[in-house]
N, C-alpha and C. Protein backbone atom coordinates (compact mmCIF):
# COMPACT_ATOMS: atom_id res chain seq x y z
N MET A 1 70.70 7.60 132.87
CA MET A 1 69.54 8.24 132.26
C MET A 1 69.23 7.57 130.92
N ASP A 2 67.98 7.25 130.70
CA ASP A 2 67.53 6.65 129.45
C ASP A 2 67.14 7.77 128.50
N PHE A 3 67.99 8.05 127.52
CA PHE A 3 67.73 9.16 126.60
C PHE A 3 66.47 8.92 125.77
N VAL A 4 66.22 7.69 125.38
CA VAL A 4 65.03 7.41 124.58
C VAL A 4 63.78 7.77 125.36
N GLN A 5 63.71 7.37 126.63
CA GLN A 5 62.55 7.69 127.44
C GLN A 5 62.43 9.19 127.67
N ARG A 6 63.57 9.88 127.78
CA ARG A 6 63.53 11.33 127.94
C ARG A 6 62.95 12.00 126.68
N VAL A 7 63.35 11.53 125.52
CA VAL A 7 62.79 12.05 124.27
C VAL A 7 61.29 11.80 124.22
N ILE A 8 60.88 10.58 124.56
CA ILE A 8 59.45 10.25 124.56
C ILE A 8 58.70 11.17 125.53
N GLY A 9 59.29 11.43 126.68
CA GLY A 9 58.67 12.33 127.65
C GLY A 9 58.54 13.74 127.13
N ASN A 10 59.57 14.24 126.43
CA ASN A 10 59.50 15.59 125.84
C ASN A 10 58.39 15.68 124.81
N PHE A 11 58.29 14.66 123.95
CA PHE A 11 57.21 14.66 122.95
C PHE A 11 55.84 14.62 123.64
N ALA A 12 55.72 13.77 124.65
CA ALA A 12 54.43 13.63 125.33
C ALA A 12 54.02 14.95 125.99
N GLU A 13 54.99 15.62 126.62
CA GLU A 13 54.68 16.90 127.25
C GLU A 13 54.28 17.94 126.22
N SER A 14 54.98 17.97 125.09
CA SER A 14 54.65 18.92 124.03
C SER A 14 53.24 18.67 123.49
N ILE A 15 52.91 17.41 123.30
CA ILE A 15 51.56 17.06 122.81
C ILE A 15 50.50 17.49 123.81
N ARG A 16 50.75 17.24 125.09
CA ARG A 16 49.78 17.62 126.13
C ARG A 16 49.56 19.13 126.17
N ILE A 17 50.65 19.88 126.11
CA ILE A 17 50.53 21.34 126.17
C ILE A 17 49.87 21.88 124.92
N LYS A 18 50.17 21.31 123.77
CA LYS A 18 49.49 21.74 122.54
C LYS A 18 48.00 21.45 122.61
N THR A 19 47.63 20.30 123.18
CA THR A 19 46.20 19.97 123.33
C THR A 19 45.52 20.96 124.27
N ASP A 20 46.17 21.26 125.40
CA ASP A 20 45.62 22.25 126.32
C ASP A 20 45.49 23.61 125.64
N ALA A 21 46.51 23.99 124.89
CA ALA A 21 46.53 25.31 124.24
C ALA A 21 45.44 25.42 123.19
N VAL A 22 45.27 24.40 122.35
CA VAL A 22 44.27 24.52 121.29
C VAL A 22 42.87 24.60 121.87
N ASN A 23 42.62 23.89 122.97
CA ASN A 23 41.31 23.96 123.60
C ASN A 23 41.02 25.34 124.15
N GLN A 24 42.06 26.04 124.60
CA GLN A 24 41.88 27.38 125.14
C GLN A 24 41.96 28.48 124.09
N LEU A 25 42.80 28.28 123.07
CA LEU A 25 43.20 29.40 122.21
C LEU A 25 42.61 29.39 120.80
N ALA A 26 41.98 28.32 120.37
CA ALA A 26 41.53 28.26 118.97
C ALA A 26 40.68 29.47 118.56
N PRO A 27 39.66 29.87 119.35
CA PRO A 27 38.88 31.05 118.94
C PRO A 27 39.71 32.32 118.89
N ALA A 28 40.63 32.49 119.84
CA ALA A 28 41.47 33.69 119.87
C ALA A 28 42.43 33.71 118.68
N ILE A 29 42.97 32.55 118.30
CA ILE A 29 43.84 32.48 117.13
C ILE A 29 43.06 32.85 115.87
N ALA A 30 41.84 32.36 115.76
CA ALA A 30 41.00 32.70 114.61
C ALA A 30 40.73 34.20 114.57
N SER A 31 40.45 34.80 115.72
CA SER A 31 40.21 36.26 115.78
C SER A 31 41.46 37.04 115.41
N ALA A 32 42.61 36.57 115.89
CA ALA A 32 43.87 37.24 115.56
C ALA A 32 44.13 37.18 114.06
N ALA A 33 43.84 36.04 113.44
CA ALA A 33 44.03 35.92 112.00
C ALA A 33 43.10 36.86 111.24
N GLU A 34 41.87 36.99 111.71
CA GLU A 34 40.93 37.94 111.08
C GLU A 34 41.47 39.36 111.19
N SER A 35 42.01 39.71 112.34
CA SER A 35 42.56 41.04 112.55
C SER A 35 43.77 41.30 111.65
N LEU A 36 44.67 40.33 111.55
CA LEU A 36 45.84 40.48 110.70
C LEU A 36 45.43 40.58 109.23
N THR A 37 44.47 39.78 108.83
CA THR A 37 44.00 39.83 107.44
C THR A 37 43.39 41.19 107.12
N ALA A 38 42.58 41.72 108.04
CA ALA A 38 41.98 43.05 107.84
C ALA A 38 43.07 44.11 107.74
N CYS A 39 44.09 43.99 108.58
CA CYS A 39 45.22 44.93 108.52
C CYS A 39 45.83 44.92 107.12
N LEU A 40 46.10 43.74 106.59
CA LEU A 40 46.72 43.62 105.27
C LEU A 40 45.79 44.11 104.16
N LEU A 41 44.52 43.75 104.23
CA LEU A 41 43.56 44.17 103.21
C LEU A 41 43.36 45.68 103.18
N ASN A 42 43.58 46.32 104.32
CA ASN A 42 43.44 47.77 104.41
C ASN A 42 44.71 48.51 103.99
N GLY A 43 45.68 47.77 103.48
CA GLY A 43 46.90 48.39 102.98
C GLY A 43 47.94 48.68 104.05
N ASN A 44 47.79 48.04 105.20
CA ASN A 44 48.75 48.25 106.29
C ASN A 44 49.72 47.08 106.36
N LYS A 45 50.62 47.13 107.33
CA LYS A 45 51.67 46.13 107.44
C LYS A 45 51.74 45.59 108.86
N ILE A 46 52.51 44.51 109.00
CA ILE A 46 52.71 43.86 110.29
C ILE A 46 54.19 43.99 110.65
N LEU A 47 54.45 44.51 111.84
CA LEU A 47 55.80 44.55 112.39
C LEU A 47 55.91 43.44 113.44
N CYS A 48 57.02 42.71 113.45
CA CYS A 48 57.17 41.55 114.33
C CYS A 48 58.44 41.69 115.15
N CYS A 49 58.37 41.28 116.43
CA CYS A 49 59.58 41.34 117.24
C CYS A 49 59.55 40.31 118.36
N GLY A 50 60.74 39.94 118.82
CA GLY A 50 60.93 39.01 119.92
C GLY A 50 62.42 38.88 120.17
N ASN A 51 62.79 38.25 121.25
CA ASN A 51 64.20 38.06 121.62
C ASN A 51 64.56 36.57 121.59
N GLY A 52 65.78 36.26 121.21
CA GLY A 52 66.24 34.88 121.22
C GLY A 52 65.41 33.99 120.30
N GLY A 53 64.86 32.91 120.85
CA GLY A 53 64.01 32.03 120.06
C GLY A 53 62.79 32.75 119.53
N SER A 54 62.30 33.73 120.27
CA SER A 54 61.15 34.52 119.82
C SER A 54 61.53 35.45 118.67
N ALA A 55 62.81 35.85 118.61
CA ALA A 55 63.28 36.61 117.44
C ALA A 55 63.20 35.73 116.20
N ALA A 56 63.61 34.47 116.36
CA ALA A 56 63.52 33.53 115.23
C ALA A 56 62.07 33.34 114.81
N ASP A 57 61.16 33.29 115.78
CA ASP A 57 59.73 33.15 115.45
C ASP A 57 59.22 34.39 114.71
N ALA A 58 59.65 35.58 115.13
CA ALA A 58 59.24 36.80 114.44
C ALA A 58 59.72 36.78 113.00
N GLN A 59 60.97 36.37 112.80
CA GLN A 59 61.52 36.28 111.45
C GLN A 59 60.81 35.20 110.63
N HIS A 60 60.47 34.10 111.28
CA HIS A 60 59.76 33.02 110.60
C HIS A 60 58.42 33.53 110.07
N PHE A 61 57.66 34.24 110.93
CA PHE A 61 56.37 34.77 110.49
C PHE A 61 56.55 35.73 109.32
N ALA A 62 57.49 36.67 109.44
CA ALA A 62 57.69 37.65 108.37
C ALA A 62 58.08 36.97 107.07
N SER A 63 58.90 35.94 107.15
CA SER A 63 59.31 35.24 105.92
C SER A 63 58.13 34.55 105.25
N GLU A 64 57.24 33.97 106.06
CA GLU A 64 56.06 33.30 105.50
C GLU A 64 55.12 34.31 104.84
N MET A 65 55.08 35.55 105.35
CA MET A 65 54.24 36.59 104.75
C MET A 65 54.87 37.13 103.47
N ILE A 66 56.15 37.47 103.52
CA ILE A 66 56.79 38.12 102.38
C ILE A 66 56.99 37.14 101.23
N ASN A 67 57.38 35.92 101.53
CA ASN A 67 57.57 34.92 100.48
C ASN A 67 56.25 34.21 100.21
N ARG A 68 55.95 33.19 100.97
CA ARG A 68 54.68 32.48 100.88
C ARG A 68 54.65 31.46 102.00
N PHE A 69 53.46 30.95 102.27
CA PHE A 69 53.33 29.89 103.26
C PHE A 69 53.26 28.57 102.50
N GLU A 70 52.07 28.02 102.26
CA GLU A 70 51.97 26.75 101.54
C GLU A 70 51.35 26.89 100.16
N GLN A 71 50.81 28.05 99.85
CA GLN A 71 50.19 28.29 98.55
C GLN A 71 50.89 29.46 97.87
N GLU A 72 50.90 29.44 96.53
CA GLU A 72 51.45 30.56 95.79
C GLU A 72 50.53 31.77 95.96
N ARG A 73 51.13 32.91 96.22
CA ARG A 73 50.40 34.17 96.34
C ARG A 73 51.41 35.30 96.32
N PRO A 74 50.94 36.53 96.09
CA PRO A 74 51.86 37.67 96.18
C PRO A 74 52.36 37.84 97.61
N GLY A 75 53.52 38.46 97.74
CA GLY A 75 54.07 38.72 99.06
C GLY A 75 53.20 39.70 99.84
N LEU A 76 53.21 39.56 101.15
CA LEU A 76 52.43 40.41 102.04
C LEU A 76 53.38 41.20 102.93
N PRO A 77 53.04 42.47 103.25
CA PRO A 77 53.98 43.33 103.95
C PRO A 77 54.12 43.02 105.44
N ALA A 78 55.24 42.44 105.79
CA ALA A 78 55.59 42.15 107.18
C ALA A 78 57.08 42.40 107.35
N ILE A 79 57.45 42.99 108.48
CA ILE A 79 58.85 43.33 108.74
C ILE A 79 59.25 42.77 110.10
N ALA A 80 60.29 41.95 110.13
CA ALA A 80 60.86 41.48 111.39
C ALA A 80 61.84 42.55 111.87
N LEU A 81 61.62 43.06 113.07
CA LEU A 81 62.46 44.12 113.61
C LEU A 81 63.72 43.57 114.27
N THR A 82 64.00 42.30 114.03
CA THR A 82 65.10 41.60 114.70
C THR A 82 66.30 41.37 113.80
N THR A 83 66.27 41.84 112.57
CA THR A 83 67.22 41.36 111.56
C THR A 83 68.34 42.31 111.19
N ASP A 84 68.20 43.62 111.44
CA ASP A 84 69.20 44.58 111.00
C ASP A 84 70.20 44.81 112.12
N SER A 85 71.35 44.16 112.04
CA SER A 85 72.32 44.22 113.14
C SER A 85 72.84 45.64 113.36
N SER A 86 72.96 46.44 112.31
CA SER A 86 73.44 47.81 112.49
C SER A 86 72.43 48.65 113.26
N VAL A 87 71.16 48.50 112.91
CA VAL A 87 70.12 49.23 113.64
C VAL A 87 70.06 48.76 115.08
N LEU A 88 70.03 47.46 115.30
CA LEU A 88 69.91 46.92 116.65
C LEU A 88 71.07 47.35 117.53
N THR A 89 72.29 47.23 117.01
CA THR A 89 73.45 47.55 117.84
C THR A 89 73.62 49.05 118.04
N SER A 90 73.23 49.85 117.07
CA SER A 90 73.35 51.30 117.27
C SER A 90 72.36 51.78 118.32
N ILE A 91 71.15 51.25 118.30
CA ILE A 91 70.17 51.63 119.32
C ILE A 91 70.62 51.15 120.69
N ALA A 92 71.06 49.90 120.78
CA ALA A 92 71.50 49.35 122.06
C ALA A 92 72.70 50.13 122.60
N ASN A 93 73.59 50.57 121.71
CA ASN A 93 74.78 51.30 122.12
C ASN A 93 74.46 52.74 122.52
N ASP A 94 73.65 53.43 121.72
CA ASP A 94 73.39 54.85 121.94
C ASP A 94 72.32 55.11 122.99
N TYR A 95 71.42 54.15 123.17
CA TYR A 95 70.32 54.30 124.13
C TYR A 95 70.38 53.15 125.14
N GLN A 96 69.55 52.15 124.94
CA GLN A 96 69.58 50.96 125.79
C GLN A 96 68.95 49.82 125.01
N TYR A 97 69.28 48.59 125.42
CA TYR A 97 68.75 47.45 124.67
C TYR A 97 67.22 47.44 124.68
N ALA A 98 66.61 47.91 125.76
CA ALA A 98 65.15 47.90 125.86
C ALA A 98 64.48 48.69 124.74
N ASP A 99 65.23 49.57 124.06
CA ASP A 99 64.66 50.41 123.01
C ASP A 99 64.87 49.86 121.60
N VAL A 100 65.46 48.67 121.46
CA VAL A 100 65.84 48.21 120.12
C VAL A 100 64.64 48.02 119.19
N PHE A 101 63.49 47.68 119.74
CA PHE A 101 62.30 47.52 118.90
C PHE A 101 61.43 48.78 118.91
N SER A 102 61.34 49.44 120.04
CA SER A 102 60.44 50.60 120.14
C SER A 102 60.87 51.72 119.20
N ARG A 103 62.17 51.95 119.06
CA ARG A 103 62.61 53.01 118.14
C ARG A 103 62.27 52.65 116.69
N GLN A 104 62.35 51.37 116.36
CA GLN A 104 61.96 50.94 115.01
C GLN A 104 60.45 51.07 114.81
N VAL A 105 59.67 50.73 115.83
CA VAL A 105 58.22 50.88 115.72
C VAL A 105 57.86 52.34 115.50
N ARG A 106 58.50 53.24 116.23
CA ARG A 106 58.21 54.67 116.07
C ARG A 106 58.62 55.18 114.69
N ALA A 107 59.69 54.60 114.11
CA ALA A 107 60.15 55.03 112.79
C ALA A 107 59.35 54.42 111.65
N LEU A 108 58.94 53.16 111.80
CA LEU A 108 58.32 52.42 110.69
C LEU A 108 56.82 52.22 110.84
N GLY A 109 56.32 52.24 112.07
CA GLY A 109 54.91 51.95 112.30
C GLY A 109 54.02 53.11 111.96
N GLN A 110 52.84 52.79 111.44
CA GLN A 110 51.84 53.80 111.11
C GLN A 110 50.50 53.39 111.71
N THR A 111 49.62 54.36 111.84
CA THR A 111 48.30 54.08 112.36
C THR A 111 47.66 52.91 111.62
N ASP A 112 47.09 51.99 112.37
CA ASP A 112 46.39 50.81 111.86
C ASP A 112 47.30 49.69 111.38
N ASP A 113 48.63 49.86 111.49
CA ASP A 113 49.53 48.72 111.35
C ASP A 113 49.32 47.82 112.57
N THR A 114 49.90 46.63 112.53
CA THR A 114 49.80 45.70 113.67
C THR A 114 51.20 45.31 114.12
N LEU A 115 51.39 45.26 115.43
CA LEU A 115 52.62 44.74 116.02
C LEU A 115 52.37 43.32 116.51
N LEU A 116 53.14 42.37 116.00
CA LEU A 116 53.12 41.00 116.50
C LEU A 116 54.30 40.89 117.47
N ALA A 117 53.99 40.90 118.77
CA ALA A 117 55.01 40.95 119.82
C ALA A 117 55.08 39.60 120.51
N ILE A 118 56.27 39.01 120.55
CA ILE A 118 56.42 37.64 121.04
C ILE A 118 57.33 37.63 122.26
N SER A 119 56.81 37.14 123.38
CA SER A 119 57.60 37.03 124.61
C SER A 119 57.07 35.86 125.42
N THR A 120 57.90 34.84 125.63
CA THR A 120 57.42 33.66 126.36
C THR A 120 57.04 34.00 127.79
N SER A 121 57.72 34.99 128.38
CA SER A 121 57.46 35.36 129.78
C SER A 121 56.47 36.51 129.91
N GLY A 122 56.35 37.32 128.86
CA GLY A 122 55.56 38.54 128.95
C GLY A 122 56.26 39.61 129.76
N ALA A 123 57.55 39.43 130.04
CA ALA A 123 58.27 40.35 130.90
C ALA A 123 59.47 41.01 130.22
N SER A 124 59.65 40.79 128.93
CA SER A 124 60.80 41.34 128.22
C SER A 124 60.66 42.86 128.07
N HIS A 125 61.66 43.61 128.56
CA HIS A 125 61.59 45.07 128.51
C HIS A 125 61.53 45.58 127.07
N SER A 126 62.25 44.95 126.16
CA SER A 126 62.23 45.41 124.77
C SER A 126 60.85 45.22 124.15
N ILE A 127 60.14 44.18 124.53
CA ILE A 127 58.79 43.95 124.02
C ILE A 127 57.80 44.93 124.67
N ILE A 128 57.95 45.16 125.96
CA ILE A 128 57.09 46.12 126.66
C ILE A 128 57.23 47.51 126.05
N HIS A 129 58.47 47.93 125.78
CA HIS A 129 58.69 49.24 125.16
C HIS A 129 58.11 49.28 123.74
N ALA A 130 58.23 48.17 123.02
CA ALA A 130 57.68 48.12 121.66
C ALA A 130 56.16 48.27 121.67
N ILE A 131 55.51 47.65 122.64
CA ILE A 131 54.05 47.76 122.74
C ILE A 131 53.66 49.19 123.08
N ASP A 132 54.40 49.83 123.99
CA ASP A 132 54.15 51.25 124.29
C ASP A 132 54.25 52.09 123.02
N ALA A 133 55.29 51.85 122.23
CA ALA A 133 55.48 52.61 121.00
C ALA A 133 54.34 52.35 120.02
N ALA A 134 53.92 51.09 119.92
CA ALA A 134 52.80 50.76 119.02
C ALA A 134 51.54 51.49 119.43
N HIS A 135 51.27 51.54 120.73
CA HIS A 135 50.09 52.27 121.20
C HIS A 135 50.20 53.76 120.87
N ASP A 136 51.40 54.32 121.02
CA ASP A 136 51.60 55.72 120.68
C ASP A 136 51.35 55.97 119.20
N ARG A 137 51.65 54.98 118.37
CA ARG A 137 51.45 55.11 116.91
C ARG A 137 50.05 54.68 116.49
N ARG A 138 49.21 54.35 117.47
CA ARG A 138 47.82 53.90 117.22
C ARG A 138 47.78 52.64 116.35
N MET A 139 48.67 51.73 116.71
CA MET A 139 48.70 50.40 116.11
C MET A 139 48.03 49.41 117.05
N SER A 140 47.48 48.35 116.49
CA SER A 140 46.99 47.26 117.33
C SER A 140 48.14 46.29 117.61
N VAL A 141 47.98 45.52 118.68
CA VAL A 141 49.02 44.59 119.11
C VAL A 141 48.42 43.19 119.24
N ILE A 142 49.13 42.22 118.70
CA ILE A 142 48.84 40.81 118.98
C ILE A 142 50.06 40.27 119.70
N ALA A 143 49.87 39.86 120.95
CA ALA A 143 50.97 39.39 121.79
C ALA A 143 50.91 37.89 121.96
N LEU A 144 52.01 37.22 121.66
CA LEU A 144 52.16 35.79 121.95
C LEU A 144 52.97 35.69 123.23
N THR A 145 52.35 35.11 124.27
CA THR A 145 53.01 35.03 125.58
C THR A 145 52.89 33.62 126.13
N GLY A 146 53.32 33.46 127.36
CA GLY A 146 53.17 32.21 128.11
C GLY A 146 53.12 32.53 129.58
N ARG A 147 53.25 31.50 130.41
CA ARG A 147 53.23 31.65 131.87
C ARG A 147 52.00 32.44 132.30
N ASN A 148 52.19 33.56 133.03
CA ASN A 148 51.02 34.34 133.48
C ASN A 148 50.80 35.57 132.62
N GLY A 149 51.50 35.68 131.50
CA GLY A 149 51.34 36.82 130.59
C GLY A 149 52.20 38.00 130.95
N GLY A 150 52.65 38.07 132.21
CA GLY A 150 53.55 39.13 132.64
C GLY A 150 53.00 40.53 132.44
N GLN A 151 53.90 41.49 132.37
CA GLN A 151 53.50 42.89 132.20
C GLN A 151 52.85 43.12 130.85
N VAL A 152 53.24 42.33 129.86
CA VAL A 152 52.62 42.47 128.53
C VAL A 152 51.11 42.32 128.64
N ALA A 153 50.65 41.31 129.36
CA ALA A 153 49.20 41.09 129.49
C ALA A 153 48.51 42.27 130.16
N GLU A 154 49.19 42.90 131.10
CA GLU A 154 48.59 43.99 131.86
C GLU A 154 48.46 45.27 131.04
N MET A 155 49.29 45.44 130.02
CA MET A 155 49.31 46.71 129.30
C MET A 155 48.51 46.67 127.99
N LEU A 156 47.95 45.53 127.64
CA LEU A 156 47.19 45.45 126.39
C LEU A 156 45.88 46.22 126.49
N GLN A 157 45.49 46.80 125.37
CA GLN A 157 44.27 47.60 125.30
C GLN A 157 43.14 46.80 124.68
N ASP A 158 41.96 47.41 124.62
CA ASP A 158 40.78 46.71 124.11
C ASP A 158 40.94 46.25 122.67
N THR A 159 41.70 46.95 121.88
CA THR A 159 41.89 46.58 120.47
C THR A 159 43.00 45.56 120.28
N ASP A 160 43.68 45.19 121.36
CA ASP A 160 44.78 44.24 121.29
C ASP A 160 44.29 42.83 121.60
N MET A 161 45.14 41.85 121.34
CA MET A 161 44.83 40.45 121.64
C MET A 161 46.06 39.78 122.25
N GLU A 162 45.81 38.90 123.19
CA GLU A 162 46.87 38.08 123.76
C GLU A 162 46.59 36.62 123.48
N LEU A 163 47.60 35.93 122.99
CA LEU A 163 47.53 34.48 122.79
C LEU A 163 48.53 33.88 123.78
N ARG A 164 48.03 33.49 124.95
CA ARG A 164 48.88 33.04 126.05
C ARG A 164 48.90 31.52 126.13
N VAL A 165 50.08 30.94 125.99
CA VAL A 165 50.24 29.50 126.06
C VAL A 165 50.18 29.06 127.53
N PRO A 166 49.34 28.08 127.85
CA PRO A 166 49.20 27.63 129.24
C PRO A 166 50.33 26.70 129.66
N ALA A 167 51.53 27.27 129.81
CA ALA A 167 52.71 26.48 130.18
C ALA A 167 53.74 27.39 130.82
N ASP A 168 54.70 26.79 131.51
CA ASP A 168 55.79 27.53 132.15
C ASP A 168 57.14 27.31 131.47
N SER A 169 57.31 26.20 130.79
CA SER A 169 58.58 25.88 130.14
C SER A 169 58.76 26.73 128.88
N THR A 170 59.89 27.43 128.80
CA THR A 170 60.16 28.27 127.63
C THR A 170 60.13 27.44 126.35
N ALA A 171 60.74 26.27 126.38
CA ALA A 171 60.79 25.42 125.18
C ALA A 171 59.39 25.03 124.73
N ARG A 172 58.54 24.61 125.67
CA ARG A 172 57.19 24.19 125.30
C ARG A 172 56.37 25.39 124.80
N ILE A 173 56.55 26.55 125.44
CA ILE A 173 55.83 27.75 124.98
C ILE A 173 56.24 28.08 123.55
N GLN A 174 57.53 28.03 123.28
CA GLN A 174 58.00 28.35 121.93
C GLN A 174 57.47 27.36 120.90
N GLU A 175 57.35 26.09 121.28
CA GLU A 175 56.79 25.11 120.35
C GLU A 175 55.35 25.45 120.00
N VAL A 176 54.58 25.89 120.98
CA VAL A 176 53.19 26.27 120.70
C VAL A 176 53.15 27.58 119.93
N HIS A 177 54.05 28.52 120.25
CA HIS A 177 54.09 29.76 119.47
C HIS A 177 54.29 29.48 117.99
N LEU A 178 55.15 28.52 117.67
CA LEU A 178 55.36 28.19 116.26
C LEU A 178 54.08 27.61 115.65
N MET A 179 53.36 26.79 116.40
CA MET A 179 52.09 26.26 115.90
C MET A 179 51.08 27.38 115.68
N ILE A 180 51.05 28.36 116.59
CA ILE A 180 50.17 29.52 116.44
C ILE A 180 50.54 30.29 115.19
N ILE A 181 51.83 30.52 114.98
CA ILE A 181 52.29 31.26 113.81
C ILE A 181 51.88 30.55 112.53
N HIS A 182 52.06 29.25 112.47
CA HIS A 182 51.64 28.50 111.28
C HIS A 182 50.13 28.55 111.10
N SER A 183 49.39 28.51 112.18
CA SER A 183 47.93 28.62 112.09
C SER A 183 47.53 29.98 111.56
N LEU A 184 48.17 31.04 112.05
CA LEU A 184 47.87 32.39 111.55
C LEU A 184 48.16 32.48 110.06
N CYS A 185 49.31 31.96 109.63
CA CYS A 185 49.66 31.98 108.21
C CYS A 185 48.62 31.23 107.37
N ASP A 186 48.21 30.07 107.84
CA ASP A 186 47.22 29.26 107.13
C ASP A 186 45.90 30.00 107.01
N LEU A 187 45.45 30.61 108.10
CA LEU A 187 44.16 31.30 108.08
C LEU A 187 44.21 32.56 107.22
N ILE A 188 45.32 33.28 107.26
CA ILE A 188 45.47 34.46 106.40
C ILE A 188 45.40 34.05 104.94
N ASP A 189 46.14 33.00 104.57
CA ASP A 189 46.10 32.52 103.19
C ASP A 189 44.70 32.07 102.81
N HIS A 190 44.04 31.34 103.70
CA HIS A 190 42.69 30.85 103.40
C HIS A 190 41.74 32.01 103.16
N LYS A 191 41.87 33.05 103.96
CA LYS A 191 40.98 34.22 103.81
C LYS A 191 41.30 34.98 102.51
N LEU A 192 42.58 35.11 102.18
CA LEU A 192 42.97 35.92 101.03
C LEU A 192 42.85 35.19 99.71
N ILE A 193 43.21 33.90 99.69
CA ILE A 193 43.27 33.18 98.40
C ILE A 193 42.51 31.87 98.40
N GLY A 194 41.80 31.59 99.51
CA GLY A 194 41.07 30.34 99.57
C GLY A 194 41.99 29.14 99.54
N ALA A 195 43.02 29.18 100.37
CA ALA A 195 43.99 28.08 100.40
C ALA A 195 43.29 26.76 100.64
N GLU A 196 43.86 25.71 100.06
CA GLU A 196 43.26 24.39 100.17
C GLU A 196 43.31 23.93 101.64
N PRO A 197 42.31 23.13 102.07
CA PRO A 197 42.32 22.65 103.46
C PRO A 197 43.47 21.72 103.73
């Protein structure tokens, strides 16, 4: 096996999928950024969740909001529901793993907050339960998915948005999810502080 050619192939596939995704998703990403910005300007917060690599993406987004992205600005209220090991393990132990995010959404979420729910398959039970909880709390949902969107796509309401990556590979979907997250951060900063192009 030629490792160099394999690396080149991985890069080429990632570039192709990103090109396909931007052609399909650019308007939806812009709309999602407008929605998130309105949420923040109205004094609400963003709750973020995902599993595995998507947990890292949720934490990445929250860190860019609370600290900063590329421009100096005050911190913005975002909470990654993936970070408190005592909360996560107590919920998983006392109830079931599928409830690890939904119980936090019910405790921390308020009307007009936004849930940023990340699932490459759209089939994660913990994400599905979190979206149910967000709807019960009258929160809007922005879902980052891939493949066919799974059950997540089927349960979204009119006030929700889905940003579905047109790919089947988990790795490639996650790469585009990170690009979407950085685009959202850039657009939020641009709207709030006129970030430089």
